[in-house]
Amino acid sequence: MRERLESGRPPSVTLVSLLLIAAGAVGLVYHVTELNPRQSLESDIVWVSLVRVLGIVAGVFMLRGHNWARVLAMAWIAFHVAISFLHSRQQVVMHAMVLAVFAFSLFRSAANQYFRAEAG
């Protein structure tokens, strides 16, 4: 089954997965350097790091064909759109565009077929 999943993975799913893994890893490394052990767990860095880890998890498991990871990836980017409203209009537009690209890439018929293979 693993060979079938690897050979049937659409390039768009691979690209989105690798983007999530890269964004999560780079962000995690960046934010972990800000972590101060003397601060309590109330620090925003802990929560930001958790969000980064979720991005990595979504990317890795989408590469393996898990449908739940596709849903997690969409929730991850939708969360970024939502928090963008606390920042600038440009961030909202940029994250909304990324959300649209994710949705297009992850819910095309080829992607649906790829993720459906995991269930079967």
PDB file of N, CA and C in Angstrom:
ATOM      1  N   MET A   1       0.824  -1.186   0.000  1.00  0.00           N
ATOM      2  CA  MET A   1       0.000   0.000   0.000  1.00  0.00           C
ATOM      3  C   MET A   1       0.870   1.251   0.000  1.00  0.00           C
ATOM      4  N   ARG A   2       2.009   1.207   0.686  1.00  0.00           N
ATOM      5  CA  ARG A   2       2.886   2.368   0.755  1.00  0.00           C
ATOM      6  C   ARG A   2       3.344   2.785  -0.643  1.00  0.00           C
ATOM      7  N   GLU A   3       3.706   1.805  -1.490  1.00  0.00           N
ATOM      8  CA  GLU A   3       4.134   2.131  -2.848  1.00  0.00           C
ATOM      9  C   GLU A   3       3.013   2.806  -3.618  1.00  0.00           C
ATOM     10  N   ARG A   4       1.788   2.329  -3.425  1.00  0.00           N
ATOM     11  CA  ARG A   4       0.649   2.923  -4.119  1.00  0.00           C
ATOM     12  C   ARG A   4       0.454   4.376  -3.697  1.00  0.00           C
ATOM     13  N   LEU A   5       0.613   4.647  -2.396  1.00  0.00           N
ATOM     14  CA  LEU A   5       0.454   6.010  -1.917  1.00  0.00           C
ATOM     15  C   LEU A   5       1.547   6.926  -2.460  1.00  0.00           C
ATOM     16  N   GLU A   6       2.788   6.453  -2.446  1.00  0.00           N
ATOM     17  CA  GLU A   6       3.883   7.283  -2.922  1.00  0.00           C
ATOM     18  C   GLU A   6       3.770   7.562  -4.416  1.00  0.00           C
ATOM     19  N   SER A   7       3.414   6.557  -5.181  1.00  0.00           N
ATOM     20  CA  SER A   7       3.336   6.755  -6.618  1.00  0.00           C
ATOM     21  C   SER A   7       2.112   7.560  -7.008  1.00  0.00           C
ATOM     22  N   GLY A   8       1.064   7.541  -6.167  1.00  0.00           N
ATOM     23  CA  GLY A   8      -0.166   8.247  -6.493  1.00  0.00           C
ATOM     24  C   GLY A   8      -0.283   9.611  -5.858  1.00  0.00           C
ATOM     25  N   ARG A   9       0.742  10.065  -5.149  1.00  0.00           N
ATOM     26  CA  ARG A   9       0.653  11.360  -4.474  1.00  0.00           C
ATOM     27  C   ARG A   9       0.777  12.483  -5.499  1.00  0.00           C
ATOM     28  N   PRO A  10      -0.227  13.353  -5.550  1.00  0.00           N
ATOM     29  CA  PRO A  10      -0.143  14.483  -6.476  1.00  0.00           C
ATOM     30  C   PRO A  10       0.997  15.431  -6.068  1.00  0.00           C
ATOM     31  N   PRO A  11       1.680  16.009  -7.027  1.00  0.00           N
ATOM     32  CA  PRO A  11       2.765  16.952  -6.700  1.00  0.00           C
ATOM     33  C   PRO A  11       2.291  18.116  -5.833  1.00  0.00           C
ATOM     34  N   SER A  12       1.049  18.546  -6.010  1.00  0.00           N
ATOM     35  CA  SER A  12       0.539  19.664  -5.204  1.00  0.00           C
ATOM     36  C   SER A  12       0.462  19.287  -3.727  1.00  0.00           C
ATOM     37  N   VAL A  13       0.107  18.048  -3.435  1.00  0.00           N
ATOM     38  CA  VAL A  13       0.062  17.593  -2.040  1.00  0.00           C
ATOM     39  C   VAL A  13       1.483  17.547  -1.474  1.00  0.00           C
ATOM     40  N   THR A  14       2.410  17.057  -2.271  1.00  0.00           N
ATOM     41  CA  THR A  14       3.811  17.026  -1.841  1.00  0.00           C
ATOM     42  C   THR A  14       4.305  18.432  -1.537  1.00  0.00           C
ATOM     43  N   LEU A  15       4.024  19.371  -2.430  1.00  0.00           N
ATOM     44  CA  LEU A  15       4.482  20.745  -2.246  1.00  0.00           C
ATOM     45  C   LEU A  15       3.886  21.378  -0.992  1.00  0.00           C
ATOM     46  N   VAL A  16       2.583  21.250  -0.802  1.00  0.00           N
ATOM     47  CA  VAL A  16       1.949  21.825   0.392  1.00  0.00           C
ATOM     48  C   VAL A  16       2.505  21.164   1.647  1.00  0.00           C
ATOM     49  N   SER A  17       2.698  19.861   1.617  1.00  0.00           N
ATOM     50  CA  SER A  17       3.245  19.140   2.772  1.00  0.00           C
ATOM     51  C   SER A  17       4.643  19.650   3.121  1.00  0.00           C
ATOM     52  N   LEU A  18       5.489  19.773   2.102  1.00  0.00           N
ATOM     53  CA  LEU A  18       6.855  20.240   2.342  1.00  0.00           C
ATOM     54  C   LEU A  18       6.881  21.696   2.814  1.00  0.00           C
ATOM     55  N   LEU A  19       5.972  22.511   2.298  1.00  0.00           N
ATOM     56  CA  LEU A  19       5.870  23.900   2.768  1.00  0.00           C
ATOM     57  C   LEU A  19       5.487  23.951   4.244  1.00  0.00           C
ATOM     58  N   LEU A  20       4.536  23.121   4.636  1.00  0.00           N
ATOM     59  CA  LEU A  20       4.134  23.074   6.047  1.00  0.00           C
ATOM     60  C   LEU A  20       5.284  22.621   6.935  1.00  0.00           C
ATOM     61  N   ILE A  21       5.981  21.588   6.506  1.00  0.00           N
ATOM     62  CA  ILE A  21       7.107  21.084   7.291  1.00  0.00           C
ATOM     63  C   ILE A  21       8.190  22.157   7.403  1.00  0.00           C
ATOM     64  N   ALA A  22       8.510  22.800   6.304  1.00  0.00           N
ATOM     65  CA  ALA A  22       9.555  23.837   6.310  1.00  0.00           C
ATOM     66  C   ALA A  22       9.141  25.040   7.151  1.00  0.00           C
ATOM     67  N   ALA A  23       7.912  25.528   6.954  1.00  0.00           N
ATOM     68  CA  ALA A  23       7.445  26.686   7.716  1.00  0.00           C
ATOM     69  C   ALA A  23       7.402  26.369   9.204  1.00  0.00           C
ATOM     70  N   GLY A  24       6.939  25.172   9.524  1.00  0.00           N
ATOM     71  CA  GLY A  24       6.885  24.778  10.927  1.00  0.00           C
ATOM     72  C   GLY A  24       8.268  24.660  11.540  1.00  0.00           C
ATOM     73  N   ALA A  25       9.186  24.041  10.822  1.00  0.00           N
ATOM     74  CA  ALA A  25      10.545  23.836  11.345  1.00  0.00           C
ATOM     75  C   ALA A  25      11.289  25.156  11.502  1.00  0.00           C
ATOM     76  N   VAL A  26      11.227  25.996  10.481  1.00  0.00           N
ATOM     77  CA  VAL A  26      11.922  27.289  10.557  1.00  0.00           C
ATOM     78  C   VAL A  26      11.334  28.137  11.681  1.00  0.00           C
ATOM     79  N   GLY A  27      10.019  28.189  11.748  1.00  0.00           N
ATOM     80  CA  GLY A  27       9.371  28.961  12.804  1.00  0.00           C
ATOM     81  C   GLY A  27       9.671  28.410  14.186  1.00  0.00           C
ATOM     82  N   LEU A  28       9.705  27.101  14.297  1.00  0.00           N
ATOM     83  CA  LEU A  28       9.994  26.476  15.587  1.00  0.00           C
ATOM     84  C   LEU A  28      11.407  26.811  16.041  1.00  0.00           C
ATOM     85  N   VAL A  29      12.369  26.677  15.160  1.00  0.00           N
ATOM     86  CA  VAL A  29      13.757  27.012  15.507  1.00  0.00           C
ATOM     87  C   VAL A  29      13.860  28.484  15.896  1.00  0.00           C
ATOM     88  N   TYR A  30      13.208  29.353  15.135  1.00  0.00           N
ATOM     89  CA  TYR A  30      13.244  30.789  15.421  1.00  0.00           C
ATOM     90  C   TYR A  30      12.651  31.090  16.797  1.00  0.00           C
ATOM     91  N   HIS A  31      11.496  30.518  17.088  1.00  0.00           N
ATOM     92  CA  HIS A  31      10.810  30.841  18.339  1.00  0.00           C
ATOM     93  C   HIS A  31      11.422  30.136  19.552  1.00  0.00           C
ATOM     94  N   VAL A  32      12.007  28.978  19.368  1.00  0.00           N
ATOM     95  CA  VAL A  32      12.633  28.287  20.494  1.00  0.00           C
ATOM     96  C   VAL A  32      13.820  29.091  21.013  1.00  0.00           C
ATOM     97  N   THR A  33      14.487  29.818  20.139  1.00  0.00           N
ATOM     98  CA  THR A  33      15.609  30.648  20.591  1.00  0.00           C
ATOM     99  C   THR A  33      15.133  31.775  21.495  1.00  0.00           C
ATOM    100  N   GLU A  34      13.843  32.121  21.432  1.00  0.00           N
ATOM    101  CA  GLU A  34      13.285  33.172  22.285  1.00  0.00           C
ATOM    102  C   GLU A  34      12.801  32.632  23.626  1.00  0.00           C
ATOM    103  N   LEU A  35      12.752  31.312  23.757  1.00  0.00           N
ATOM    104  CA  LEU A  35      12.221  30.685  24.965  1.00  0.00           C
ATOM    105  C   LEU A  35      13.133  30.960  26.147  1.00  0.00           C
ATOM    106  N   ASN A  36      12.544  31.430  27.218  1.00  0.00           N
ATOM    107  CA  ASN A  36      13.286  31.718  28.433  1.00  0.00           C
ATOM    108  C   ASN A  36      12.814  30.738  29.508  1.00  0.00           C
ATOM    109  N   PRO A  37      13.688  29.859  29.973  1.00  0.00           N
ATOM    110  CA  PRO A  37      13.263  28.855  30.959  1.00  0.00           C
ATOM    111  C   PRO A  37      12.754  29.467  32.261  1.00  0.00           C
ATOM    112  N   ARG A  38      13.121  30.703  32.533  1.00  0.00           N
ATOM    113  CA  ARG A  38      12.674  31.350  33.770  1.00  0.00           C
ATOM    114  C   ARG A  38      11.228  31.842  33.677  1.00  0.00           C
ATOM    115  N   GLN A  39      10.700  31.928  32.445  1.00  0.00           N
ATOM    116  CA  GLN A  39       9.312  32.340  32.287  1.00  0.00           C
ATOM    117  C   GLN A  39       8.408  31.132  32.487  1.00  0.00           C
ATOM    118  N   SER A  40       7.192  31.406  32.882  1.00  0.00           N
ATOM    119  CA  SER A  40       6.242  30.307  33.083  1.00  0.00           C
ATOM    120  C   SER A  40       5.704  29.839  31.735  1.00  0.00           C
ATOM    121  N   LEU A  41       4.899  28.806  31.750  1.00  0.00           N
ATOM    122  CA  LEU A  41       4.298  28.284  30.527  1.00  0.00           C
ATOM    123  C   LEU A  41       3.245  29.215  29.950  1.00  0.00           C
ATOM    124  N   GLU A  42       3.007  30.348  30.588  1.00  0.00           N
ATOM    125  CA  GLU A  42       2.057  31.319  30.064  1.00  0.00           C
ATOM    126  C   GLU A  42       2.642  32.081  28.873  1.00  0.00           C
ATOM    127  N   SER A  43       3.886  31.889  28.621  1.00  0.00           N
ATOM    128  CA  SER A  43       4.551  32.584  27.526  1.00  0.00           C
ATOM    129  C   SER A  43       3.894  32.256  26.189  1.00  0.00           C
ATOM    130  N   ASP A  44       3.729  33.262  25.351  1.00  0.00           N
ATOM    131  CA  ASP A  44       3.164  33.059  24.016  1.00  0.00           C
ATOM    132  C   ASP A  44       4.054  32.170  23.162  1.00  0.00           C
ATOM    133  N   ILE A  45       5.336  32.135  23.460  1.00  0.00           N
ATOM    134  CA  ILE A  45       6.272  31.350  22.663  1.00  0.00           C
ATOM    135  C   ILE A  45       5.919  29.865  22.717  1.00  0.00           C
ATOM    136  N   VAL A  46       5.465  29.402  23.847  1.00  0.00           N
ATOM    137  CA  VAL A  46       5.082  27.997  23.979  1.00  0.00           C
ATOM    138  C   VAL A  46       3.917  27.688  23.042  1.00  0.00           C
ATOM    139  N   TRP A  47       2.910  28.557  23.028  1.00  0.00           N
ATOM    140  CA  TRP A  47       1.734  28.333  22.182  1.00  0.00           C
ATOM    141  C   TRP A  47       2.075  28.485  20.708  1.00  0.00           C
ATOM    142  N   VAL A  48       2.907  29.452  20.380  1.00  0.00           N
ATOM    143  CA  VAL A  48       3.337  29.632  18.999  1.00  0.00           C
ATOM    144  C   VAL A  48       4.116  28.399  18.542  1.00  0.00           C
ATOM    145  N   SER A  49       4.956  27.877  19.412  1.00  0.00           N
ATOM    146  CA  SER A  49       5.733  26.681  19.071  1.00  0.00           C
ATOM    147  C   SER A  49       4.821  25.478  18.859  1.00  0.00           C
ATOM    148  N   LEU A  50       3.784  25.366  19.658  1.00  0.00           N
ATOM    149  CA  LEU A  50       2.821  24.275  19.492  1.00  0.00           C
ATOM    150  C   LEU A  50       2.145  24.356  18.124  1.00  0.00           C
ATOM    151  N   VAL A  51       1.787  25.558  17.707  1.00  0.00           N
ATOM    152  CA  VAL A  51       1.180  25.743  16.384  1.00  0.00           C
ATOM    153  C   VAL A  51       2.168  25.330  15.301  1.00  0.00           C
ATOM    154  N   ARG A  52       3.431  25.667  15.464  1.00  0.00           N
ATOM    155  CA  ARG A  52       4.462  25.261  14.494  1.00  0.00           C
ATOM    156  C   ARG A  52       4.583  23.742  14.421  1.00  0.00           C
ATOM    157  N   VAL A  53       4.547  23.085  15.567  1.00  0.00           N
ATOM    158  CA  VAL A  53       4.629  21.623  15.601  1.00  0.00           C
ATOM    159  C   VAL A  53       3.417  21.015  14.883  1.00  0.00           C
ATOM    160  N   LEU A  54       2.246  21.597  15.067  1.00  0.00           N
ATOM    161  CA  LEU A  54       1.054  21.094  14.377  1.00  0.00           C
ATOM    162  C   LEU A  54       1.206  21.194  12.856  1.00  0.00           C
ATOM    163  N   GLY A  55       1.848  22.248  12.387  1.00  0.00           N
ATOM    164  CA  GLY A  55       2.118  22.376  10.957  1.00  0.00           C
ATOM    165  C   GLY A  55       3.037  21.269  10.462  1.00  0.00           C
ATOM    166  N   ILE A  56       4.056  20.970  11.237  1.00  0.00           N
ATOM    167  CA  ILE A  56       4.983  19.894  10.870  1.00  0.00           C
ATOM    168  C   ILE A  56       4.249  18.552  10.854  1.00  0.00           C
ATOM    169  N   VAL A  57       3.451  18.298  11.868  1.00  0.00           N
ATOM    170  CA  VAL A  57       2.690  17.045  11.951  1.00  0.00           C
ATOM    171  C   VAL A  57       1.765  16.908  10.741  1.00  0.00           C
ATOM    172  N   ALA A  58       1.058  17.986  10.415  1.00  0.00           N
ATOM    173  CA  ALA A  58       0.149  17.945   9.260  1.00  0.00           C
ATOM    174  C   ALA A  58       0.923  17.619   7.987  1.00  0.00           C
ATOM    175  N   GLY A  59       2.052  18.267   7.783  1.00  0.00           N
ATOM    176  CA  GLY A  59       2.846  18.022   6.582  1.00  0.00           C
ATOM    177  C   GLY A  59       3.353  16.602   6.483  1.00  0.00           C
ATOM    178  N   VAL A  60       3.887  16.090   7.575  1.00  0.00           N
ATOM    179  CA  VAL A  60       4.442  14.730   7.570  1.00  0.00           C
ATOM    180  C   VAL A  60       3.343  13.703   7.288  1.00  0.00           C
ATOM    181  N   PHE A  61       2.216  13.849   7.947  1.00  0.00           N
ATOM    182  CA  PHE A  61       1.171  12.839   7.784  1.00  0.00           C
ATOM    183  C   PHE A  61       0.390  12.997   6.483  1.00  0.00           C
ATOM    184  N   MET A  62       0.403  14.180   5.891  1.00  0.00           N
ATOM    185  CA  MET A  62      -0.171  14.303   4.548  1.00  0.00           C
ATOM    186  C   MET A  62       0.704  13.567   3.544  1.00  0.00           C
ATOM    187  N   LEU A  63       2.013  13.626   3.713  1.00  0.00           N
ATOM    188  CA  LEU A  63       2.906  12.874   2.833  1.00  0.00           C
ATOM    189  C   LEU A  63       2.625  11.377   2.921  1.00  0.00           C
ATOM    190  N   ARG A  64       2.142  10.948   4.074  1.00  0.00           N
ATOM    191  CA  ARG A  64       1.838   9.526   4.278  1.00  0.00           C
ATOM    192  C   ARG A  64       0.412   9.180   3.878  1.00  0.00           C
ATOM    193  N   GLY A  65      -0.360  10.187   3.442  1.00  0.00           N
ATOM    194  CA  GLY A  65      -1.696   9.933   2.920  1.00  0.00           C
ATOM    195  C   GLY A  65      -2.821   9.950   3.927  1.00  0.00           C
ATOM    196  N   HIS A  66      -2.602  10.502   5.095  1.00  0.00           N
ATOM    197  CA  HIS A  66      -3.640  10.527   6.127  1.00  0.00           C
ATOM    198  C   HIS A  66      -4.593  11.710   5.907  1.00  0.00           C
ATOM    199  N   ASN A  67      -5.860  11.390   5.746  1.00  0.00           N
ATOM    200  CA  ASN A  67      -6.864  12.415   5.468  1.00  0.00           C
ATOM    201  C   ASN A  67      -7.009  13.411   6.614  1.00  0.00           C
ATOM    202  N   TRP A  68      -6.907  12.957   7.854  1.00  0.00           N
ATOM    203  CA  TRP A  68      -7.053  13.860   8.994  1.00  0.00           C
ATOM    204  C   TRP A  68      -5.980  14.949   8.962  1.00  0.00           C
ATOM    205  N   ALA A  69      -4.826  14.645   8.392  1.00  0.00           N
ATOM    206  CA  ALA A  69      -3.747  15.623   8.311  1.00  0.00           C
ATOM    207  C   ALA A  69      -4.099  16.731   7.326  1.00  0.00           C
ATOM    208  N   ARG A  70      -4.849  16.401   6.295  1.00  0.00           N
ATOM    209  CA  ARG A  70      -5.324  17.414   5.340  1.00  0.00           C
ATOM    210  C   ARG A  70      -6.259  18.384   6.058  1.00  0.00           C
ATOM    211  N   VAL A  71      -7.116  17.867   6.900  1.00  0.00           N
ATOM    212  CA  VAL A  71      -8.028  18.714   7.673  1.00  0.00           C
ATOM    213  C   VAL A  71      -7.230  19.574   8.648  1.00  0.00           C
ATOM    214  N   LEU A  72      -6.232  18.988   9.294  1.00  0.00           N
ATOM    215  CA  LEU A  72      -5.374  19.749  10.204  1.00  0.00           C
ATOM    216  C   LEU A  72      -4.640  20.864   9.463  1.00  0.00           C
ATOM    217  N   ALA A  73      -4.160  20.582   8.269  1.00  0.00           N
ATOM    218  CA  ALA A  73      -3.463  21.601   7.473  1.00  0.00           C
ATOM    219  C   ALA A  73      -4.392  22.773   7.158  1.00  0.00           C
ATOM    220  N   MET A  74      -5.633  22.477   6.812  1.00  0.00           N
ATOM    221  CA  MET A  74      -6.591  23.542   6.519  1.00  0.00           C
ATOM    222  C   MET A  74      -6.911  24.346   7.781  1.00  0.00           C
ATOM    223  N   ALA A  75      -7.051  23.662   8.904  1.00  0.00           N
ATOM    224  CA  ALA A  75      -7.300  24.367  10.161  1.00  0.00           C
ATOM    225  C   ALA A  75      -6.102  25.237  10.529  1.00  0.00           C
ATOM    226  N   TRP A  76      -4.901  24.731  10.271  1.00  0.00           N
ATOM    227  CA  TRP A  76      -3.670  25.459  10.585  1.00  0.00           C
ATOM    228  C   TRP A  76      -3.607  26.780   9.821  1.00  0.00           C
ATOM    229  N   ILE A  77      -3.867  26.719   8.524  1.00  0.00           N
ATOM    230  CA  ILE A  77      -3.785  27.954   7.737  1.00  0.00           C
ATOM    231  C   ILE A  77      -4.986  28.855   8.011  1.00  0.00           C
ATOM    232  N   ALA A  78      -6.152  28.283   8.287  1.00  0.00           N
ATOM    233  CA  ALA A  78      -7.322  29.102   8.643  1.00  0.00           C
ATOM    234  C   ALA A  78      -7.062  29.852   9.950  1.00  0.00           C
ATOM    235  N   PHE A  79      -6.399  29.206  10.883  1.00  0.00           N
ATOM    236  CA  PHE A  79      -6.012  29.864  12.133  1.00  0.00           C
ATOM    237  C   PHE A  79      -5.100  31.051  11.846  1.00  0.00           C
ATOM    238  N   HIS A  80      -4.174  30.873  10.911  1.00  0.00           N
ATOM    239  CA  HIS A  80      -3.279  31.972  10.554  1.00  0.00           C
ATOM    240  C   HIS A  80      -4.036  33.130   9.910  1.00  0.00           C
ATOM    241  N   VAL A  81      -5.032  32.822   9.110  1.00  0.00           N
ATOM    242  CA  VAL A  81      -5.871  33.889   8.530  1.00  0.00           C
ATOM    243  C   VAL A  81      -6.551  34.652   9.664  1.00  0.00           C
ATOM    244  N   ALA A  82      -7.108  33.919  10.605  1.00  0.00           N
ATOM    245  CA  ALA A  82      -7.825  34.557  11.715  1.00  0.00           C
ATOM    246  C   ALA A  82      -6.914  35.464  12.542  1.00  0.00           C
ATOM    247  N   ILE A  83      -5.729  34.976  12.892  1.00  0.00           N
ATOM    248  CA  ILE A  83      -4.851  35.826  13.706  1.00  0.00           C
ATOM    249  C   ILE A  83      -4.232  36.963  12.899  1.00  0.00           C
ATOM    250  N   SER A  84      -4.267  36.852  11.582  1.00  0.00           N
ATOM    251  CA  SER A  84      -3.767  37.938  10.737  1.00  0.00           C
ATOM    252  C   SER A  84      -4.583  39.205  10.920  1.00  0.00           C
ATOM    253  N   PHE A  85      -5.850  39.038  11.275  1.00  0.00           N
ATOM    254  CA  PHE A  85      -6.711  40.197  11.489  1.00  0.00           C
ATOM    255  C   PHE A  85      -6.219  41.063  12.646  1.00  0.00           C
ATOM    256  N   LEU A  86      -5.396  40.511  13.508  1.00  0.00           N
ATOM    257  CA  LEU A  86      -4.814  41.279  14.607  1.00  0.00           C
ATOM    258  C   LEU A  86      -3.595  42.077  14.151  1.00  0.00           C
ATOM    259  N   HIS A  87      -3.163  41.849  12.933  1.00  0.00           N
ATOM    260  CA  HIS A  87      -1.961  42.490  12.425  1.00  0.00           C
ATOM    261  C   HIS A  87      -2.310  43.434  11.278  1.00  0.00           C
ATOM    262  N   SER A  88      -1.807  43.179  10.113  1.00  0.00           N
ATOM    263  CA  SER A  88      -2.011  44.102   8.996  1.00  0.00           C
ATOM    264  C   SER A  88      -2.935  43.511   7.937  1.00  0.00           C
ATOM    265  N   ARG A  89      -3.480  44.379   7.136  1.00  0.00           N
ATOM    266  CA  ARG A  89      -4.330  43.956   6.025  1.00  0.00           C
ATOM    267  C   ARG A  89      -3.531  43.095   5.042  1.00  0.00           C
ATOM    268  N   GLN A  90      -2.262  43.428   4.846  1.00  0.00           N
ATOM    269  CA  GLN A  90      -1.420  42.654   3.942  1.00  0.00           C
ATOM    270  C   GLN A  90      -1.273  41.213   4.428  1.00  0.00           C
ATOM    271  N   GLN A  91      -1.148  41.026   5.734  1.00  0.00           N
ATOM    272  CA  GLN A  91      -1.032  39.667   6.264  1.00  0.00           C
ATOM    273  C   GLN A  91      -2.333  38.896   6.067  1.00  0.00           C
ATOM    274  N   VAL A  92      -3.464  39.576   6.232  1.00  0.00           N
ATOM    275  CA  VAL A  92      -4.751  38.922   6.010  1.00  0.00           C
ATOM    276  C   VAL A  92      -4.849  38.458   4.561  1.00  0.00           C
ATOM    277  N   VAL A  93      -4.502  39.344   3.640  1.00  0.00           N
ATOM    278  CA  VAL A  93      -4.581  39.011   2.217  1.00  0.00           C
ATOM    279  C   VAL A  93      -3.629  37.869   1.883  1.00  0.00           C
ATOM    280  N   MET A  94      -2.419  37.948   2.368  1.00  0.00           N
ATOM    281  CA  MET A  94      -1.425  36.919   2.070  1.00  0.00           C
ATOM    282  C   MET A  94      -1.856  35.554   2.618  1.00  0.00           C
ATOM    283  N   HIS A  95      -2.277  35.513   3.881  1.00  0.00           N
ATOM    284  CA  HIS A  95      -2.706  34.249   4.463  1.00  0.00           C
ATOM    285  C   HIS A  95      -3.977  33.727   3.782  1.00  0.00           C
ATOM    286  N   ALA A  96      -4.867  34.614   3.389  1.00  0.00           N
ATOM    287  CA  ALA A  96      -6.077  34.184   2.683  1.00  0.00           C
ATOM    288  C   ALA A  96      -5.718  33.574   1.325  1.00  0.00           C
ATOM    289  N   MET A  97      -4.724  34.145   0.662  1.00  0.00           N
ATOM    290  CA  MET A  97      -4.278  33.578  -0.610  1.00  0.00           C
ATOM    291  C   MET A  97      -3.658  32.198  -0.403  1.00  0.00           C
ATOM    292  N   VAL A  98      -2.875  32.052   0.649  1.00  0.00           N
ATOM    293  CA  VAL A  98      -2.279  30.751   0.953  1.00  0.00           C
ATOM    294  C   VAL A  98      -3.381  29.742   1.285  1.00  0.00           C
ATOM    295  N   LEU A  99      -4.400  30.181   2.016  1.00  0.00           N
ATOM    296  CA  LEU A  99      -5.539  29.306   2.320  1.00  0.00           C
ATOM    297  C   LEU A  99      -6.209  28.834   1.031  1.00  0.00           C
ATOM    298  N   ALA A 100      -6.393  29.744   0.090  1.00  0.00           N
ATOM    299  CA  ALA A 100      -7.011  29.372  -1.186  1.00  0.00           C
ATOM    300  C   ALA A 100      -6.145  28.370  -1.952  1.00  0.00           C
ATOM    301  N   VAL A 101      -4.847  28.568  -1.949  1.00  0.00           N
ATOM    302  CA  VAL A 101      -3.932  27.634  -2.624  1.00  0.00           C
ATOM    303  C   VAL A 101      -3.966  26.269  -1.934  1.00  0.00           C
ATOM    304  N   PHE A 102      -3.966  26.268  -0.608  1.00  0.00           N
ATOM    305  CA  PHE A 102      -4.057  25.003   0.134  1.00  0.00           C
ATOM    306  C   PHE A 102      -5.351  24.288  -0.238  1.00  0.00           C
ATOM    307  N   ALA A 103      -6.468  25.002  -0.191  1.00  0.00           N
ATOM    308  CA  ALA A 103      -7.770  24.385  -0.479  1.00  0.00           C
ATOM    309  C   ALA A 103      -7.790  23.814  -1.892  1.00  0.00           C
ATOM    310  N   PHE A 104      -7.310  24.588  -2.849  1.00  0.00           N
ATOM    311  CA  PHE A 104      -7.275  24.118  -4.231  1.00  0.00           C
ATOM    312  C   PHE A 104      -6.396  22.880  -4.361  1.00  0.00           C
ATOM    313  N   SER A 105      -5.226  22.923  -3.746  1.00  0.00           N
ATOM    314  CA  SER A 105      -4.263  21.830  -3.865  1.00  0.00           C
ATOM    315  C   SER A 105      -4.702  20.564  -3.144  1.00  0.00           C
ATOM    316  N   LEU A 106      -5.340  20.728  -2.004  1.00  0.00           N
ATOM    317  CA  LEU A 106      -5.649  19.579  -1.161  1.00  0.00           C
ATOM    318  C   LEU A 106      -7.027  18.977  -1.392  1.00  0.00           C
ATOM    319  N   PHE A 107      -7.864  19.673  -2.167  1.00  0.00           N
ATOM    320  CA  PHE A 107      -9.210  19.155  -2.388  1.00  0.00           C
ATOM    321  C   PHE A 107      -9.541  18.959  -3.861  1.00  0.00           C
ATOM    322  N   ARG A 108      -8.528  18.952  -4.714  1.00  0.00           N
ATOM    323  CA  ARG A 108      -8.725  18.588  -6.124  1.00  0.00           C
ATOM    324  C   ARG A 108      -9.033  17.101  -6.188  1.00  0.00           C
ATOM    325  N   SER A 109      -9.540  16.667  -7.328  1.00  0.00           N
ATOM    326  CA  SER A 109      -9.935  15.256  -7.442  1.00  0.00           C
ATOM    327  C   SER A 109      -8.748  14.317  -7.246  1.00  0.00           C
ATOM    328  N   ALA A 110      -7.575  14.682  -7.756  1.00  0.00           N
ATOM    329  CA  ALA A 110      -6.399  13.812  -7.575  1.00  0.00           C
ATOM    330  C   ALA A 110      -6.028  13.712  -6.096  1.00  0.00           C
ATOM    331  N   ALA A 111      -6.115  14.821  -5.384  1.00  0.00           N
ATOM    332  CA  ALA A 111      -5.812  14.804  -3.949  1.00  0.00           C
ATOM    333  C   ALA A 111      -6.870  14.014  -3.197  1.00  0.00           C
ATOM    334  N   ASN A 112      -8.123  14.195  -3.557  1.00  0.00           N
ATOM    335  CA  ASN A 112      -9.189  13.420  -2.910  1.00  0.00           C
ATOM    336  C   ASN A 112      -8.949  11.926  -3.087  1.00  0.00           C
ATOM    337  N   GLN A 113      -8.552  11.536  -4.271  1.00  0.00           N
ATOM    338  CA  GLN A 113      -8.277  10.131  -4.552  1.00  0.00           C
ATOM    339  C   GLN A 113      -7.095   9.644  -3.718  1.00  0.00           C
ATOM    340  N   TYR A 114      -6.059  10.450  -3.623  1.00  0.00           N
ATOM    341  CA  TYR A 114      -4.874  10.085  -2.850  1.00  0.00           C
ATOM    342  C   TYR A 114      -5.230   9.879  -1.382  1.00  0.00           C
ATOM    343  N   PHE A 115      -5.987  10.813  -0.818  1.00  0.00           N
ATOM    344  CA  PHE A 115      -6.340  10.695   0.595  1.00  0.00           C
ATOM    345  C   PHE A 115      -7.368   9.599   0.834  1.00  0.00           C
ATOM    346  N   ARG A 116      -8.176   9.313  -0.140  1.00  0.00           N
ATOM    347  CA  ARG A 116      -9.158   8.230  -0.018  1.00  0.00           C
ATOM    348  C   ARG A 116      -8.460   6.880  -0.016  1.00  0.00           C
ATOM    349  N   ALA A 117      -7.308   6.757  -0.682  1.00  0.00           N
ATOM    350  CA  ALA A 117      -6.564   5.493  -0.733  1.00  0.00           C
ATOM    351  C   ALA A 117      -6.123   5.068   0.655  1.00  0.00           C
ATOM    352  N   GLU A 118      -5.879   6.046   1.541  1.00  0.00           N
ATOM    353  CA  GLU A 118      -5.440   5.739   2.904  1.00  0.00           C
ATOM    354  C   GLU A 118      -6.546   5.032   3.673  1.00  0.00           C
ATOM    355  N   ALA A 119      -7.794   5.406   3.396  1.00  0.00           N
ATOM    356  CA  ALA A 119      -8.924   4.814   4.130  1.00  0.00           C
ATOM    357  C   ALA A 119      -9.221   3.405   3.643  1.00  0.00           C
ATOM    358  N   GLY A 120      -8.868   3.118   2.366  1.00  0.00           N
ATOM    359  CA  GLY A 120      -9.237   1.834   1.781  1.00  0.00           C
ATOM    360  C   GLY A 120      -8.269   0.738   1.972  1.00  0.00           C
TER     361      GLY A 120
END
